[in-house]
Amino acid sequence: MPCSLFSEAIMKQSISVVTLPVADLDRAKAFYCGGLGWSPVFDNGDIAFFQFNGFIVGLWNKTSFEAEIHGPSSPGARGSALGHNVESPEEVDRLMAQAVASGAELVSAARALPWGGYSGYFADPDGHLWEVAYNPAWPISPEGYVTFAS
């Protein structure tokens, strides 16, 4: 059934929070803060929140996360990837190199893609996949918002 046949949205089309369960919060913070240069807006020793452009990313102690969801979490997220778009292939290369130098696993080296973009993938210390990408068709605002343009 095409989406246009639905009369109204049941759930607003937005993401507020992305939560990444981590085995060792101090190790995760060392990677994201020390390695990638992020700054938490909240950190209580069990969870750290990072304000992004319009949503929040949380690094949450895996044991506490699993207690919240009443079950086990999958290690990492190899079936999906978080994306970070940048303004040039050179910036992709720079960020990929920084991530790997900070302890990330290189999953797929950055390369030119058939559709005209340029991207690579790394996994953080807990296995969460990140794509760093340049897409010449998607403008990025000064605040970091990416707009889909066809």
N, C-alpha and C. Protein backbone atom coordinates (compact mmCIF):
# COMPACT_ATOMS: atom_id res chain seq x y z
N MET A 1 0.85 -1.18 0.00
CA MET A 1 0.00 0.00 0.00
C MET A 1 0.89 1.24 0.00
N PRO A 2 0.74 2.12 -0.97
CA PRO A 2 1.55 3.35 -1.00
C PRO A 2 1.24 4.25 0.20
N CYS A 3 2.24 4.97 0.66
CA CYS A 3 2.07 5.85 1.82
C CYS A 3 1.00 6.90 1.58
N SER A 4 0.83 7.35 0.35
CA SER A 4 -0.13 8.43 0.07
C SER A 4 -1.57 8.01 0.32
N LEU A 5 -1.85 6.72 0.50
CA LEU A 5 -3.22 6.27 0.75
C LEU A 5 -3.63 6.43 2.20
N PHE A 6 -2.68 6.66 3.10
CA PHE A 6 -3.01 6.87 4.49
C PHE A 6 -3.53 8.30 4.65
N SER A 7 -4.59 8.46 5.44
CA SER A 7 -5.21 9.77 5.57
C SER A 7 -4.44 10.72 6.49
N GLU A 8 -3.87 10.21 7.55
CA GLU A 8 -3.13 11.09 8.45
C GLU A 8 -2.04 10.29 9.17
N ALA A 9 -1.01 11.01 9.57
CA ALA A 9 0.10 10.36 10.25
C ALA A 9 -0.32 9.97 11.67
N ILE A 10 0.04 8.77 12.06
CA ILE A 10 -0.22 8.30 13.42
C ILE A 10 0.94 8.72 14.32
N MET A 11 2.13 8.69 13.76
CA MET A 11 3.33 9.08 14.50
C MET A 11 4.04 10.16 13.70
N LYS A 12 4.39 11.24 14.35
CA LYS A 12 5.09 12.34 13.69
C LYS A 12 6.39 11.82 13.08
N GLN A 13 6.71 12.25 11.88
CA GLN A 13 7.90 11.81 11.16
C GLN A 13 9.12 12.58 11.66
N SER A 14 9.68 12.08 12.78
CA SER A 14 10.85 12.72 13.38
C SER A 14 11.56 11.73 14.29
N ILE A 15 12.80 12.03 14.59
CA ILE A 15 13.57 11.27 15.57
C ILE A 15 14.00 12.25 16.64
N SER A 16 13.77 11.89 17.89
CA SER A 16 14.14 12.75 19.01
C SER A 16 15.44 12.32 19.65
N VAL A 17 15.59 11.00 19.84
CA VAL A 17 16.76 10.47 20.54
C VAL A 17 17.21 9.18 19.84
N VAL A 18 18.51 9.05 19.68
CA VAL A 18 19.13 7.79 19.26
C VAL A 18 19.96 7.33 20.45
N THR A 19 19.66 6.11 20.94
CA THR A 19 20.37 5.57 22.10
C THR A 19 21.28 4.45 21.65
N LEU A 20 22.55 4.54 22.01
CA LEU A 20 23.52 3.51 21.69
C LEU A 20 23.93 2.82 22.99
N PRO A 21 23.54 1.55 23.19
CA PRO A 21 23.99 0.83 24.37
C PRO A 21 25.49 0.54 24.27
N VAL A 22 26.22 0.77 25.34
CA VAL A 22 27.67 0.59 25.33
C VAL A 22 28.10 -0.28 26.50
N ALA A 23 29.10 -1.14 26.26
CA ALA A 23 29.59 -2.05 27.29
C ALA A 23 30.36 -1.31 28.37
N ASP A 24 31.04 -0.25 28.01
CA ASP A 24 31.89 0.50 28.95
C ASP A 24 31.71 1.99 28.64
N LEU A 25 30.95 2.68 29.47
CA LEU A 25 30.64 4.08 29.20
C LEU A 25 31.90 4.95 29.17
N ASP A 26 32.86 4.69 30.06
CA ASP A 26 34.09 5.49 30.04
C ASP A 26 34.85 5.30 28.73
N ARG A 27 34.92 4.07 28.22
CA ARG A 27 35.58 3.81 26.94
C ARG A 27 34.84 4.51 25.80
N ALA A 28 33.51 4.43 25.83
CA ALA A 28 32.70 5.07 24.79
C ALA A 28 32.90 6.59 24.81
N LYS A 29 32.89 7.18 26.01
CA LYS A 29 33.10 8.62 26.12
C LYS A 29 34.51 9.00 25.67
N ALA A 30 35.49 8.17 25.97
CA ALA A 30 36.86 8.44 25.50
C ALA A 30 36.90 8.49 23.98
N PHE A 31 36.15 7.59 23.33
CA PHE A 31 36.11 7.58 21.87
C PHE A 31 35.36 8.79 21.32
N TYR A 32 34.13 9.01 21.79
CA TYR A 32 33.31 10.08 21.23
C TYR A 32 33.78 11.48 21.66
N CYS A 33 34.18 11.63 22.92
CA CYS A 33 34.64 12.94 23.39
C CYS A 33 36.10 13.18 23.01
N GLY A 34 36.97 12.30 23.44
CA GLY A 34 38.39 12.48 23.16
C GLY A 34 38.76 12.26 21.71
N GLY A 35 38.14 11.26 21.08
CA GLY A 35 38.48 10.94 19.70
C GLY A 35 37.79 11.79 18.67
N LEU A 36 36.46 11.95 18.82
CA LEU A 36 35.69 12.70 17.81
C LEU A 36 35.43 14.15 18.22
N GLY A 37 35.69 14.50 19.46
CA GLY A 37 35.55 15.89 19.89
C GLY A 37 34.15 16.30 20.31
N TRP A 38 33.28 15.34 20.61
CA TRP A 38 31.92 15.67 21.06
C TRP A 38 31.96 16.15 22.50
N SER A 39 30.91 16.91 22.89
CA SER A 39 30.78 17.40 24.26
C SER A 39 29.41 17.00 24.80
N PRO A 40 29.34 16.27 25.90
CA PRO A 40 28.04 15.89 26.45
C PRO A 40 27.35 17.10 27.08
N VAL A 41 26.02 17.08 27.02
CA VAL A 41 25.22 18.09 27.71
C VAL A 41 24.73 17.55 29.05
N PHE A 42 24.88 16.24 29.25
CA PHE A 42 24.50 15.58 30.50
C PHE A 42 25.30 14.30 30.62
N ASP A 43 25.77 14.01 31.83
CA ASP A 43 26.53 12.78 32.07
C ASP A 43 26.40 12.45 33.55
N ASN A 44 25.73 11.33 33.86
CA ASN A 44 25.59 10.95 35.27
C ASN A 44 26.38 9.68 35.61
N GLY A 45 27.27 9.26 34.72
CA GLY A 45 28.06 8.07 34.96
C GLY A 45 27.41 6.79 34.46
N ASP A 46 26.11 6.85 34.12
CA ASP A 46 25.39 5.70 33.58
C ASP A 46 24.95 5.96 32.15
N ILE A 47 24.70 7.24 31.85
CA ILE A 47 24.29 7.66 30.51
C ILE A 47 24.87 9.04 30.25
N ALA A 48 25.27 9.25 29.01
CA ALA A 48 25.75 10.57 28.59
C ALA A 48 24.93 10.99 27.37
N PHE A 49 24.41 12.22 27.39
CA PHE A 49 23.62 12.74 26.28
C PHE A 49 24.41 13.81 25.54
N PHE A 50 24.27 13.80 24.21
CA PHE A 50 24.93 14.76 23.33
C PHE A 50 23.85 15.44 22.50
N GLN A 51 23.80 16.78 22.55
CA GLN A 51 22.83 17.55 21.76
C GLN A 51 23.32 17.64 20.33
N PHE A 52 22.47 17.28 19.40
CA PHE A 52 22.76 17.38 17.97
C PHE A 52 21.87 18.44 17.35
N ASN A 53 21.88 18.50 16.06
CA ASN A 53 21.04 19.45 15.34
C ASN A 53 19.61 18.91 15.27
N GLY A 54 18.85 19.14 16.32
CA GLY A 54 17.45 18.75 16.33
C GLY A 54 17.14 17.44 17.04
N PHE A 55 18.12 16.72 17.52
CA PHE A 55 17.87 15.51 18.29
C PHE A 55 19.03 15.26 19.24
N ILE A 56 18.92 14.19 20.02
CA ILE A 56 19.91 13.87 21.04
C ILE A 56 20.43 12.45 20.81
N VAL A 57 21.73 12.25 21.03
CA VAL A 57 22.32 10.92 21.03
C VAL A 57 22.70 10.60 22.46
N GLY A 58 22.31 9.40 22.90
CA GLY A 58 22.66 8.95 24.24
C GLY A 58 23.56 7.74 24.19
N LEU A 59 24.62 7.75 24.97
CA LEU A 59 25.46 6.58 25.20
C LEU A 59 25.05 6.04 26.56
N TRP A 60 24.48 4.83 26.59
CA TRP A 60 23.90 4.32 27.82
C TRP A 60 24.56 3.01 28.19
N ASN A 61 24.94 2.87 29.44
CA ASN A 61 25.50 1.64 29.94
C ASN A 61 24.59 0.48 29.53
N LYS A 62 25.15 -0.51 28.85
CA LYS A 62 24.38 -1.62 28.28
C LYS A 62 23.55 -2.36 29.33
N THR A 63 24.09 -2.57 30.52
CA THR A 63 23.36 -3.27 31.57
C THR A 63 22.09 -2.50 31.95
N SER A 64 22.20 -1.20 32.10
CA SER A 64 21.03 -0.37 32.44
C SER A 64 20.04 -0.32 31.29
N PHE A 65 20.55 -0.24 30.07
CA PHE A 65 19.68 -0.24 28.89
C PHE A 65 18.87 -1.53 28.83
N GLU A 66 19.54 -2.67 29.05
CA GLU A 66 18.85 -3.96 28.98
C GLU A 66 17.82 -4.10 30.10
N ALA A 67 18.08 -3.51 31.27
CA ALA A 67 17.09 -3.51 32.35
C ALA A 67 15.87 -2.70 31.93
N GLU A 68 16.09 -1.61 31.24
CA GLU A 68 14.99 -0.75 30.77
C GLU A 68 14.11 -1.47 29.74
N ILE A 69 14.74 -2.20 28.81
CA ILE A 69 13.97 -2.86 27.74
C ILE A 69 13.55 -4.28 28.12
N HIS A 70 13.93 -4.75 29.33
CA HIS A 70 13.58 -6.08 29.84
C HIS A 70 14.08 -7.20 28.91
N GLY A 71 15.32 -7.08 28.47
CA GLY A 71 15.88 -8.12 27.62
C GLY A 71 17.23 -7.73 27.08
N PRO A 72 17.83 -8.66 26.36
CA PRO A 72 19.17 -8.38 25.81
C PRO A 72 19.13 -7.45 24.61
N SER A 73 20.20 -6.70 24.44
CA SER A 73 20.35 -5.87 23.25
C SER A 73 21.32 -6.57 22.31
N SER A 74 21.24 -6.25 21.05
CA SER A 74 22.17 -6.81 20.08
C SER A 74 23.51 -6.09 20.20
N PRO A 75 24.61 -6.82 20.02
CA PRO A 75 25.91 -6.13 20.05
C PRO A 75 26.08 -5.28 18.81
N GLY A 76 26.33 -4.00 19.00
CA GLY A 76 26.50 -3.10 17.86
C GLY A 76 25.22 -3.01 17.05
N ALA A 77 25.36 -2.55 15.84
CA ALA A 77 24.19 -2.42 14.97
C ALA A 77 24.64 -2.67 13.54
N ARG A 78 25.12 -3.85 13.26
CA ARG A 78 25.65 -4.16 11.93
C ARG A 78 24.55 -4.25 10.88
N GLY A 79 23.30 -4.26 11.28
CA GLY A 79 22.22 -4.29 10.31
C GLY A 79 21.72 -2.91 9.94
N SER A 80 22.32 -1.87 10.53
CA SER A 80 21.95 -0.50 10.23
C SER A 80 23.17 0.38 10.45
N ALA A 81 23.08 1.62 10.03
CA ALA A 81 24.20 2.54 10.22
C ALA A 81 23.67 3.94 10.50
N LEU A 82 24.38 4.65 11.34
CA LEU A 82 24.11 6.06 11.57
C LEU A 82 24.93 6.82 10.53
N GLY A 83 24.39 7.88 9.99
CA GLY A 83 25.09 8.62 8.95
C GLY A 83 25.49 10.01 9.39
N HIS A 84 26.66 10.43 8.94
CA HIS A 84 27.15 11.78 9.19
C HIS A 84 27.59 12.35 7.84
N ASN A 85 26.84 13.31 7.32
CA ASN A 85 27.17 13.91 6.03
C ASN A 85 28.06 15.13 6.21
N VAL A 86 28.99 15.27 5.28
CA VAL A 86 29.95 16.37 5.31
C VAL A 86 29.98 17.05 3.94
N GLU A 87 30.76 18.11 3.84
CA GLU A 87 30.71 18.94 2.64
C GLU A 87 31.74 18.63 1.57
N SER A 88 32.59 17.62 1.78
CA SER A 88 33.58 17.30 0.74
C SER A 88 34.15 15.90 0.95
N PRO A 89 34.66 15.29 -0.12
CA PRO A 89 35.35 14.01 0.04
C PRO A 89 36.56 14.11 0.96
N GLU A 90 37.25 15.23 0.94
CA GLU A 90 38.41 15.42 1.81
C GLU A 90 38.01 15.38 3.28
N GLU A 91 36.85 15.93 3.59
CA GLU A 91 36.37 15.90 4.97
C GLU A 91 35.99 14.47 5.38
N VAL A 92 35.45 13.70 4.44
CA VAL A 92 35.18 12.28 4.71
C VAL A 92 36.48 11.60 5.11
N ASP A 93 37.52 11.77 4.29
CA ASP A 93 38.81 11.13 4.57
C ASP A 93 39.38 11.56 5.92
N ARG A 94 39.29 12.86 6.23
CA ARG A 94 39.81 13.38 7.49
C ARG A 94 39.08 12.78 8.68
N LEU A 95 37.74 12.73 8.62
CA LEU A 95 36.97 12.20 9.74
C LEU A 95 37.14 10.69 9.89
N MET A 96 37.23 9.99 8.77
CA MET A 96 37.46 8.54 8.84
C MET A 96 38.81 8.26 9.50
N ALA A 97 39.84 8.99 9.11
CA ALA A 97 41.17 8.79 9.68
C ALA A 97 41.16 9.11 11.17
N GLN A 98 40.47 10.19 11.57
CA GLN A 98 40.38 10.55 12.98
C GLN A 98 39.67 9.47 13.78
N ALA A 99 38.58 8.94 13.25
CA ALA A 99 37.84 7.90 13.95
C ALA A 99 38.70 6.65 14.16
N VAL A 100 39.38 6.23 13.11
CA VAL A 100 40.24 5.04 13.20
C VAL A 100 41.39 5.28 14.17
N ALA A 101 42.00 6.46 14.10
CA ALA A 101 43.09 6.79 15.02
C ALA A 101 42.61 6.82 16.47
N SER A 102 41.31 7.03 16.68
CA SER A 102 40.75 7.10 18.03
C SER A 102 40.20 5.78 18.52
N GLY A 103 40.36 4.72 17.73
CA GLY A 103 39.94 3.39 18.18
C GLY A 103 38.81 2.76 17.41
N ALA A 104 38.29 3.42 16.38
CA ALA A 104 37.23 2.82 15.56
C ALA A 104 37.82 1.73 14.68
N GLU A 105 36.98 0.79 14.30
CA GLU A 105 37.35 -0.24 13.34
C GLU A 105 36.97 0.25 11.94
N LEU A 106 37.91 0.21 11.02
CA LEU A 106 37.61 0.56 9.63
C LEU A 106 36.81 -0.59 9.03
N VAL A 107 35.58 -0.33 8.64
CA VAL A 107 34.70 -1.35 8.08
C VAL A 107 34.76 -1.31 6.56
N SER A 108 34.71 -0.12 6.00
CA SER A 108 34.77 0.06 4.55
C SER A 108 35.48 1.38 4.27
N ALA A 109 36.64 1.31 3.63
CA ALA A 109 37.39 2.52 3.33
C ALA A 109 36.56 3.47 2.46
N ALA A 110 36.76 4.76 2.66
CA ALA A 110 36.04 5.75 1.86
C ALA A 110 36.41 5.60 0.40
N ARG A 111 35.39 5.77 -0.45
CA ARG A 111 35.62 5.62 -1.89
C ARG A 111 34.52 6.35 -2.64
N ALA A 112 34.81 6.65 -3.92
CA ALA A 112 33.82 7.25 -4.80
C ALA A 112 32.76 6.20 -5.13
N LEU A 113 31.51 6.63 -5.15
CA LEU A 113 30.40 5.72 -5.39
C LEU A 113 29.75 6.02 -6.74
N PRO A 114 29.11 5.02 -7.35
CA PRO A 114 28.56 5.18 -8.70
C PRO A 114 27.55 6.33 -8.85
N TRP A 115 26.86 6.69 -7.78
CA TRP A 115 25.85 7.74 -7.86
C TRP A 115 26.43 9.14 -7.69
N GLY A 116 27.76 9.25 -7.54
CA GLY A 116 28.40 10.56 -7.47
C GLY A 116 28.84 10.99 -6.09
N GLY A 117 28.53 10.21 -5.09
CA GLY A 117 28.93 10.54 -3.73
C GLY A 117 30.24 9.88 -3.36
N TYR A 118 30.60 10.04 -2.09
CA TYR A 118 31.86 9.51 -1.57
C TYR A 118 31.63 9.18 -0.12
N SER A 119 31.89 7.93 0.30
CA SER A 119 31.65 7.58 1.70
C SER A 119 32.47 6.39 2.14
N GLY A 120 32.53 6.22 3.46
CA GLY A 120 33.18 5.09 4.10
C GLY A 120 32.46 4.78 5.40
N TYR A 121 32.78 3.63 5.98
CA TYR A 121 32.12 3.18 7.21
C TYR A 121 33.15 2.81 8.27
N PHE A 122 32.85 3.16 9.52
CA PHE A 122 33.63 2.68 10.65
C PHE A 122 32.67 2.18 11.72
N ALA A 123 33.20 1.34 12.62
CA ALA A 123 32.43 0.87 13.77
C ALA A 123 33.07 1.44 15.03
N ASP A 124 32.24 1.98 15.91
CA ASP A 124 32.76 2.49 17.18
C ASP A 124 33.22 1.32 18.06
N PRO A 125 33.79 1.57 19.23
CA PRO A 125 34.30 0.47 20.06
C PRO A 125 33.24 -0.56 20.48
N ASP A 126 31.95 -0.21 20.40
CA ASP A 126 30.89 -1.17 20.72
C ASP A 126 30.27 -1.79 19.47
N GLY A 127 30.82 -1.48 18.30
CA GLY A 127 30.33 -2.10 17.07
C GLY A 127 29.24 -1.33 16.33
N HIS A 128 28.86 -0.15 16.81
CA HIS A 128 27.84 0.65 16.13
C HIS A 128 28.45 1.21 14.84
N LEU A 129 27.76 0.98 13.73
CA LEU A 129 28.27 1.44 12.44
C LEU A 129 27.94 2.90 12.19
N TRP A 130 28.92 3.60 11.65
CA TRP A 130 28.77 4.99 11.23
C TRP A 130 29.21 5.12 9.78
N GLU A 131 28.41 5.79 8.98
CA GLU A 131 28.82 6.16 7.62
C GLU A 131 29.20 7.62 7.64
N VAL A 132 30.34 7.96 7.08
CA VAL A 132 30.72 9.35 6.86
C VAL A 132 30.62 9.55 5.35
N ALA A 133 29.78 10.49 4.94
CA ALA A 133 29.45 10.60 3.52
C ALA A 133 29.45 12.03 3.01
N TYR A 134 29.81 12.15 1.76
CA TYR A 134 29.64 13.38 1.00
C TYR A 134 28.65 13.07 -0.11
N ASN A 135 27.55 13.81 -0.15
CA ASN A 135 26.55 13.66 -1.21
C ASN A 135 26.38 15.03 -1.86
N PRO A 136 26.87 15.19 -3.09
CA PRO A 136 26.81 16.51 -3.72
C PRO A 136 25.39 17.03 -3.96
N ALA A 137 24.40 16.15 -3.88
CA ALA A 137 23.01 16.57 -4.12
C ALA A 137 22.28 16.99 -2.86
N TRP A 138 22.88 16.77 -1.69
CA TRP A 138 22.21 17.10 -0.43
C TRP A 138 22.89 18.28 0.24
N PRO A 139 22.28 19.45 0.20
CA PRO A 139 22.88 20.61 0.86
C PRO A 139 22.87 20.46 2.38
N ILE A 140 23.88 21.04 3.02
CA ILE A 140 23.99 21.03 4.48
C ILE A 140 23.94 22.47 4.96
N SER A 141 23.00 22.77 5.87
CA SER A 141 22.87 24.12 6.41
C SER A 141 24.04 24.39 7.36
N PRO A 142 24.25 25.68 7.73
CA PRO A 142 25.29 26.00 8.71
C PRO A 142 25.08 25.28 10.06
N GLU A 143 23.83 24.94 10.36
CA GLU A 143 23.53 24.24 11.62
C GLU A 143 23.76 22.73 11.50
N GLY A 144 24.06 22.25 10.29
CA GLY A 144 24.30 20.83 10.09
C GLY A 144 23.10 20.02 9.63
N TYR A 145 22.01 20.67 9.30
CA TYR A 145 20.83 19.97 8.79
C TYR A 145 21.04 19.58 7.34
N VAL A 146 20.74 18.34 7.03
CA VAL A 146 20.85 17.84 5.66
C VAL A 146 19.46 17.84 5.05
N THR A 147 19.37 18.30 3.81
CA THR A 147 18.09 18.32 3.11
C THR A 147 18.13 17.37 1.95
N PHE A 148 17.12 16.49 1.89
CA PHE A 148 17.02 15.57 0.76
C PHE A 148 16.67 16.36 -0.49
N ALA A 149 17.48 16.22 -1.49
CA ALA A 149 17.21 16.87 -2.77
C ALA A 149 17.46 15.83 -3.86
N SER A 150 16.53 15.74 -4.78
CA SER A 150 16.69 14.71 -5.83
C SER A 150 17.22 15.30 -7.11
